[in-house]
Amino acid sequence: MWSLGVAMFAMLVGYPPFVKAKTEEELFDLINTNNYDYNEQDWMKITNDAKKMIDQLIQPNVLRRLNAD
């Protein structure tokens, strides 16, 4: 489900949520800390419901992550 959230993010704005990472180590740190942004200009036409769903899917804690149940 996590990867679905990453894919949805990328499909909606054209780049992945952890695009700030310059190295593989930075990428893993951003993923583990759930550190991504919704650039206001890129997301202005995307609904809050879509952002909320992505937030629930890109949740690093599997117990809190949206699931298929």
PDB file of N, CA and C in Angstrom:
ATOM      1  N   MET A   1       0.825  -1.190   0.000  1.00  0.00           N
ATOM      2  CA  MET A   1       0.000   0.000   0.000  1.00  0.00           C
ATOM      3  C   MET A   1       0.872   1.259   0.000  1.00  0.00           C
ATOM      4  N   TRP A   2       2.017   1.169   0.691  1.00  0.00           N
ATOM      5  CA  TRP A   2       2.915   2.320   0.751  1.00  0.00           C
ATOM      6  C   TRP A   2       3.328   2.737  -0.661  1.00  0.00           C
ATOM      7  N   SER A   3       3.719   1.757  -1.472  1.00  0.00           N
ATOM      8  CA  SER A   3       4.174   2.075  -2.825  1.00  0.00           C
ATOM      9  C   SER A   3       3.036   2.642  -3.679  1.00  0.00           C
ATOM     10  N   LEU A   4       1.808   2.260  -3.397  1.00  0.00           N
ATOM     11  CA  LEU A   4       0.661   2.840  -4.089  1.00  0.00           C
ATOM     12  C   LEU A   4       0.574   4.338  -3.791  1.00  0.00           C
ATOM     13  N   GLY A   5       0.801   4.712  -2.547  1.00  0.00           N
ATOM     14  CA  GLY A   5       0.800   6.131  -2.182  1.00  0.00           C
ATOM     15  C   GLY A   5       1.889   6.905  -2.905  1.00  0.00           C
ATOM     16  N   VAL A   6       3.077   6.316  -3.014  1.00  0.00           N
ATOM     17  CA  VAL A   6       4.179   6.951  -3.730  1.00  0.00           C
ATOM     18  C   VAL A   6       3.818   7.101  -5.209  1.00  0.00           C
ATOM     19  N   ALA A   7       3.239   6.055  -5.789  1.00  0.00           N
ATOM     20  CA  ALA A   7       2.838   6.105  -7.204  1.00  0.00           C
ATOM     21  C   ALA A   7       1.749   7.150  -7.426  1.00  0.00           C
ATOM     22  N   MET A   8       0.771   7.223  -6.532  1.00  0.00           N
ATOM     23  CA  MET A   8      -0.301   8.219  -6.669  1.00  0.00           C
ATOM     24  C   MET A   8       0.270   9.630  -6.607  1.00  0.00           C
ATOM     25  N   PHE A   9       1.166   9.856  -5.670  1.00  0.00           N
ATOM     26  CA  PHE A   9       1.815  11.162  -5.538  1.00  0.00           C
ATOM     27  C   PHE A   9       2.468  11.529  -6.869  1.00  0.00           C
ATOM     28  N   ALA A  10       3.267  10.612  -7.407  1.00  0.00           N
ATOM     29  CA  ALA A  10       3.987  10.874  -8.654  1.00  0.00           C
ATOM     30  C   ALA A  10       3.042  11.070  -9.835  1.00  0.00           C
ATOM     31  N   MET A  11       1.973  10.303  -9.892  1.00  0.00           N
ATOM     32  CA  MET A  11       1.025  10.455 -11.005  1.00  0.00           C
ATOM     33  C   MET A  11       0.309  11.796 -10.955  1.00  0.00           C
ATOM     34  N   LEU A  12       0.054  12.301  -9.762  1.00  0.00           N
ATOM     35  CA  LEU A  12      -0.681  13.554  -9.636  1.00  0.00           C
ATOM     36  C   LEU A  12       0.164  14.783  -9.952  1.00  0.00           C
ATOM     37  N   VAL A  13       1.464  14.753  -9.626  1.00  0.00           N
ATOM     38  CA  VAL A  13       2.283  15.954  -9.840  1.00  0.00           C
ATOM     39  C   VAL A  13       3.515  15.733 -10.714  1.00  0.00           C
ATOM     40  N   GLY A  14       3.809  14.500 -11.072  1.00  0.00           N
ATOM     41  CA  GLY A  14       4.906  14.259 -12.005  1.00  0.00           C
ATOM     42  C   GLY A  14       6.269  14.022 -11.399  1.00  0.00           C
ATOM     43  N   TYR A  15       6.342  13.931 -10.087  1.00  0.00           N
ATOM     44  CA  TYR A  15       7.613  13.623  -9.422  1.00  0.00           C
ATOM     45  C   TYR A  15       7.308  12.892  -8.114  1.00  0.00           C
ATOM     46  N   PRO A  16       8.259  12.119  -7.604  1.00  0.00           N
ATOM     47  CA  PRO A  16       8.006  11.331  -6.393  1.00  0.00           C
ATOM     48  C   PRO A  16       8.052  12.195  -5.131  1.00  0.00           C
ATOM     49  N   PRO A  17       7.493  11.696  -4.042  1.00  0.00           N
ATOM     50  CA  PRO A  17       7.410  12.491  -2.821  1.00  0.00           C
ATOM     51  C   PRO A  17       8.754  12.786  -2.156  1.00  0.00           C
ATOM     52  N   PHE A  18       9.745  11.975  -2.361  1.00  0.00           N
ATOM     53  CA  PHE A  18      11.022  12.156  -1.672  1.00  0.00           C
ATOM     54  C   PHE A  18      12.091  12.685  -2.625  1.00  0.00           C
ATOM     55  N   VAL A  19      11.694  13.595  -3.487  1.00  0.00           N
ATOM     56  CA  VAL A  19      12.548  14.116  -4.551  1.00  0.00           C
ATOM     57  C   VAL A  19      13.711  14.956  -3.999  1.00  0.00           C
ATOM     58  N   LYS A  20      13.617  15.428  -2.775  1.00  0.00           N
ATOM     59  CA  LYS A  20      14.676  16.261  -2.195  1.00  0.00           C
ATOM     60  C   LYS A  20      15.967  15.491  -1.950  1.00  0.00           C
ATOM     61  N   ALA A  21      15.898  14.171  -1.885  1.00  0.00           N
ATOM     62  CA  ALA A  21      17.062  13.359  -1.558  1.00  0.00           C
ATOM     63  C   ALA A  21      18.127  13.466  -2.648  1.00  0.00           C
ATOM     64  N   LYS A  22      19.349  13.697  -2.219  1.00  0.00           N
ATOM     65  CA  LYS A  22      20.475  13.782  -3.151  1.00  0.00           C
ATOM     66  C   LYS A  22      21.265  12.470  -3.179  1.00  0.00           C
ATOM     67  N   THR A  23      21.180  11.710  -2.095  1.00  0.00           N
ATOM     68  CA  THR A  23      21.903  10.442  -2.001  1.00  0.00           C
ATOM     69  C   THR A  23      20.937   9.354  -1.565  1.00  0.00           C
ATOM     70  N   GLU A  24      21.365   8.122  -1.696  1.00  0.00           N
ATOM     71  CA  GLU A  24      20.536   6.996  -1.254  1.00  0.00           C
ATOM     72  C   GLU A  24      20.306   7.065   0.256  1.00  0.00           C
ATOM     73  N   GLU A  25      21.317   7.479   1.004  1.00  0.00           N
ATOM     74  CA  GLU A  25      21.179   7.612   2.459  1.00  0.00           C
ATOM     75  C   GLU A  25      20.128   8.665   2.814  1.00  0.00           C
ATOM     76  N   GLU A  26      20.156   9.792   2.129  1.00  0.00           N
ATOM     77  CA  GLU A  26      19.145  10.835   2.351  1.00  0.00           C
ATOM     78  C   GLU A  26      17.753  10.320   1.994  1.00  0.00           C
ATOM     79  N   LEU A  27      17.657   9.563   0.918  1.00  0.00           N
ATOM     80  CA  LEU A  27      16.371   9.001   0.504  1.00  0.00           C
ATOM     81  C   LEU A  27      15.802   8.120   1.611  1.00  0.00           C
ATOM     82  N   PHE A  28      16.616   7.206   2.154  1.00  0.00           N
ATOM     83  CA  PHE A  28      16.143   6.330   3.217  1.00  0.00           C
ATOM     84  C   PHE A  28      15.756   7.124   4.461  1.00  0.00           C
ATOM     85  N   ASP A  29      16.506   8.188   4.753  1.00  0.00           N
ATOM     86  CA  ASP A  29      16.177   9.025   5.910  1.00  0.00           C
ATOM     87  C   ASP A  29      14.836   9.725   5.702  1.00  0.00           C
ATOM     88  N   LEU A  30      14.607  10.268   4.512  1.00  0.00           N
ATOM     89  CA  LEU A  30      13.329  10.935   4.221  1.00  0.00           C
ATOM     90  C   LEU A  30      12.163   9.952   4.300  1.00  0.00           C
ATOM     91  N   ILE A  31      12.377   8.750   3.798  1.00  0.00           N
ATOM     92  CA  ILE A  31      11.325   7.733   3.855  1.00  0.00           C
ATOM     93  C   ILE A  31      11.029   7.352   5.295  1.00  0.00           C
ATOM     94  N   ASN A  32      12.080   7.075   6.073  1.00  0.00           N
ATOM     95  CA  ASN A  32      11.894   6.634   7.462  1.00  0.00           C
ATOM     96  C   ASN A  32      11.295   7.705   8.361  1.00  0.00           C
ATOM     97  N   THR A  33      11.530   8.965   8.038  1.00  0.00           N
ATOM     98  CA  THR A  33      10.964  10.059   8.836  1.00  0.00           C
ATOM     99  C   THR A  33       9.684  10.609   8.218  1.00  0.00           C
ATOM    100  N   ASN A  34       9.271  10.020   7.087  1.00  0.00           N
ATOM    101  CA  ASN A  34       8.052  10.445   6.406  1.00  0.00           C
ATOM    102  C   ASN A  34       8.108  11.932   6.056  1.00  0.00           C
ATOM    103  N   ASN A  35       9.264  12.352   5.557  1.00  0.00           N
ATOM    104  CA  ASN A  35       9.526  13.759   5.297  1.00  0.00           C
ATOM    105  C   ASN A  35       9.348  14.068   3.805  1.00  0.00           C
ATOM    106  N   TYR A  36       8.170  14.553   3.462  1.00  0.00           N
ATOM    107  CA  TYR A  36       7.878  14.990   2.093  1.00  0.00           C
ATOM    108  C   TYR A  36       6.956  16.188   2.175  1.00  0.00           C
ATOM    109  N   ASP A  37       6.905  16.946   1.099  1.00  0.00           N
ATOM    110  CA  ASP A  37       6.114  18.180   1.070  1.00  0.00           C
ATOM    111  C   ASP A  37       5.097  18.143  -0.050  1.00  0.00           C
ATOM    112  N   TYR A  38       4.059  18.930   0.144  1.00  0.00           N
ATOM    113  CA  TYR A  38       3.119  19.210  -0.929  1.00  0.00           C
ATOM    114  C   TYR A  38       3.425  20.633  -1.402  1.00  0.00           C
ATOM    115  N   ASN A  39       4.210  20.741  -2.471  1.00  0.00           N
ATOM    116  CA  ASN A  39       4.530  22.049  -3.017  1.00  0.00           C
ATOM    117  C   ASN A  39       3.225  22.747  -3.381  1.00  0.00           C
ATOM    118  N   GLU A  40       2.998  23.890  -2.781  1.00  0.00           N
ATOM    119  CA  GLU A  40       1.712  24.583  -2.931  1.00  0.00           C
ATOM    120  C   GLU A  40       1.329  24.825  -4.393  1.00  0.00           C
ATOM    121  N   GLN A  41       2.285  25.236  -5.191  1.00  0.00           N
ATOM    122  CA  GLN A  41       1.993  25.529  -6.598  1.00  0.00           C
ATOM    123  C   GLN A  41       1.598  24.259  -7.356  1.00  0.00           C
ATOM    124  N   ASP A  42       2.298  23.159  -7.100  1.00  0.00           N
ATOM    125  CA  ASP A  42       2.014  21.909  -7.803  1.00  0.00           C
ATOM    126  C   ASP A  42       0.707  21.259  -7.337  1.00  0.00           C
ATOM    127  N   TRP A  43       0.343  21.489  -6.090  1.00  0.00           N
ATOM    128  CA  TRP A  43      -0.806  20.797  -5.501  1.00  0.00           C
ATOM    129  C   TRP A  43      -2.057  21.655  -5.402  1.00  0.00           C
ATOM    130  N   MET A  44      -2.046  22.863  -5.914  1.00  0.00           N
ATOM    131  CA  MET A  44      -3.183  23.773  -5.737  1.00  0.00           C
ATOM    132  C   MET A  44      -4.483  23.240  -6.339  1.00  0.00           C
ATOM    133  N   LYS A  45      -4.408  22.415  -7.366  1.00  0.00           N
ATOM    134  CA  LYS A  45      -5.619  21.896  -7.997  1.00  0.00           C
ATOM    135  C   LYS A  45      -5.957  20.474  -7.558  1.00  0.00           C
ATOM    136  N   ILE A  46      -5.169  19.937  -6.634  1.00  0.00           N
ATOM    137  CA  ILE A  46      -5.390  18.580  -6.130  1.00  0.00           C
ATOM    138  C   ILE A  46      -6.225  18.686  -4.843  1.00  0.00           C
ATOM    139  N   THR A  47      -7.229  17.853  -4.728  1.00  0.00           N
ATOM    140  CA  THR A  47      -8.139  17.940  -3.576  1.00  0.00           C
ATOM    141  C   THR A  47      -7.456  17.545  -2.274  1.00  0.00           C
ATOM    142  N   ASN A  48      -7.988  18.068  -1.194  1.00  0.00           N
ATOM    143  CA  ASN A  48      -7.498  17.689   0.135  1.00  0.00           C
ATOM    144  C   ASN A  48      -7.739  16.210   0.402  1.00  0.00           C
ATOM    145  N   ASP A  49      -8.818  15.665  -0.150  1.00  0.00           N
ATOM    146  CA  ASP A  49      -9.078  14.228   0.015  1.00  0.00           C
ATOM    147  C   ASP A  49      -7.974  13.392  -0.613  1.00  0.00           C
ATOM    148  N   ALA A  50      -7.483  13.805  -1.759  1.00  0.00           N
ATOM    149  CA  ALA A  50      -6.386  13.080  -2.411  1.00  0.00           C
ATOM    150  C   ALA A  50      -5.126  13.148  -1.558  1.00  0.00           C
ATOM    151  N   LYS A  51      -4.826  14.337  -1.015  1.00  0.00           N
ATOM    152  CA  LYS A  51      -3.654  14.487  -0.145  1.00  0.00           C
ATOM    153  C   LYS A  51      -3.795  13.631   1.113  1.00  0.00           C
ATOM    154  N   LYS A  52      -4.986  13.621   1.678  1.00  0.00           N
ATOM    155  CA  LYS A  52      -5.224  12.827   2.888  1.00  0.00           C
ATOM    156  C   LYS A  52      -5.014  11.337   2.604  1.00  0.00           C
ATOM    157  N   MET A  53      -5.501  10.881   1.462  1.00  0.00           N
ATOM    158  CA  MET A  53      -5.326   9.472   1.106  1.00  0.00           C
ATOM    159  C   MET A  53      -3.844   9.138   0.930  1.00  0.00           C
ATOM    160  N   ILE A  54      -3.111  10.013   0.266  1.00  0.00           N
ATOM    161  CA  ILE A  54      -1.677   9.802   0.095  1.00  0.00           C
ATOM    162  C   ILE A  54      -0.985   9.775   1.453  1.00  0.00           C
ATOM    163  N   ASP A  55      -1.330  10.712   2.327  1.00  0.00           N
ATOM    164  CA  ASP A  55      -0.744  10.720   3.681  1.00  0.00           C
ATOM    165  C   ASP A  55      -1.000   9.399   4.400  1.00  0.00           C
ATOM    166  N   GLN A  56      -2.195   8.865   4.252  1.00  0.00           N
ATOM    167  CA  GLN A  56      -2.541   7.611   4.920  1.00  0.00           C
ATOM    168  C   GLN A  56      -1.825   6.422   4.293  1.00  0.00           C
ATOM    169  N   LEU A  57      -1.507   6.498   3.009  1.00  0.00           N
ATOM    170  CA  LEU A  57      -0.794   5.414   2.338  1.00  0.00           C
ATOM    171  C   LEU A  57       0.716   5.486   2.566  1.00  0.00           C
ATOM    172  N   ILE A  58       1.270   6.698   2.594  1.00  0.00           N
ATOM    173  CA  ILE A  58       2.711   6.870   2.783  1.00  0.00           C
ATOM    174  C   ILE A  58       3.018   6.995   4.282  1.00  0.00           C
ATOM    175  N   GLN A  59       2.354   6.256   5.053  1.00  0.00           N
ATOM    176  CA  GLN A  59       2.535   6.208   6.507  1.00  0.00           C
ATOM    177  C   GLN A  59       3.569   5.109   6.798  1.00  0.00           C
ATOM    178  N   PRO A  60       4.722   5.470   7.398  1.00  0.00           N
ATOM    179  CA  PRO A  60       5.740   4.452   7.647  1.00  0.00           C
ATOM    180  C   PRO A  60       5.321   3.406   8.683  1.00  0.00           C
ATOM    181  N   ASN A  61       4.441   3.778   9.586  1.00  0.00           N
ATOM    182  CA  ASN A  61       3.962   2.833  10.599  1.00  0.00           C
ATOM    183  C   ASN A  61       2.863   1.971   9.976  1.00  0.00           C
ATOM    184  N   VAL A  62       3.194   0.710   9.762  1.00  0.00           N
ATOM    185  CA  VAL A  62       2.271  -0.200   9.081  1.00  0.00           C
ATOM    186  C   VAL A  62       0.939  -0.344   9.823  1.00  0.00           C
ATOM    187  N   LEU A  63       0.934  -0.158  11.125  1.00  0.00           N
ATOM    188  CA  LEU A  63      -0.300  -0.269  11.899  1.00  0.00           C
ATOM    189  C   LEU A  63      -1.228   0.925  11.685  1.00  0.00           C
ATOM    190  N   ARG A  64      -0.671   2.054  11.282  1.00  0.00           N
ATOM    191  CA  ARG A  64      -1.468   3.249  11.039  1.00  0.00           C
ATOM    192  C   ARG A  64      -1.752   3.488   9.566  1.00  0.00           C
ATOM    193  N   ARG A  65      -1.063   2.733   8.705  1.00  0.00           N
ATOM    194  CA  ARG A  65      -1.187   2.898   7.252  1.00  0.00           C
ATOM    195  C   ARG A  65      -2.543   2.401   6.755  1.00  0.00           C
ATOM    196  N   LEU A  66      -3.099   3.101   5.785  1.00  0.00           N
ATOM    197  CA  LEU A  66      -4.316   2.670   5.119  1.00  0.00           C
ATOM    198  C   LEU A  66      -4.052   1.304   4.502  1.00  0.00           C
ATOM    199  N   ASN A  67      -5.028   0.410   4.620  1.00  0.00           N
ATOM    200  CA  ASN A  67      -4.851  -0.936   4.062  1.00  0.00           C
ATOM    201  C   ASN A  67      -6.057  -1.323   3.224  1.00  0.00           C
ATOM    202  N   ALA A  68      -6.026  -2.485   2.646  1.00  0.00           N
ATOM    203  CA  ALA A  68      -7.089  -2.931   1.735  1.00  0.00           C
ATOM    204  C   ALA A  68      -8.292  -3.522   2.433  1.00  0.00           C
ATOM    205  N   ASP A  69      -8.253  -3.630   3.739  1.00  0.00           N
ATOM    206  CA  ASP A  69      -9.393  -4.217   4.476  1.00  0.00           C
ATOM    207  C   ASP A  69     -10.617  -3.360   4.439  1.00  0.00           C
TER     208      ASP A  69
END
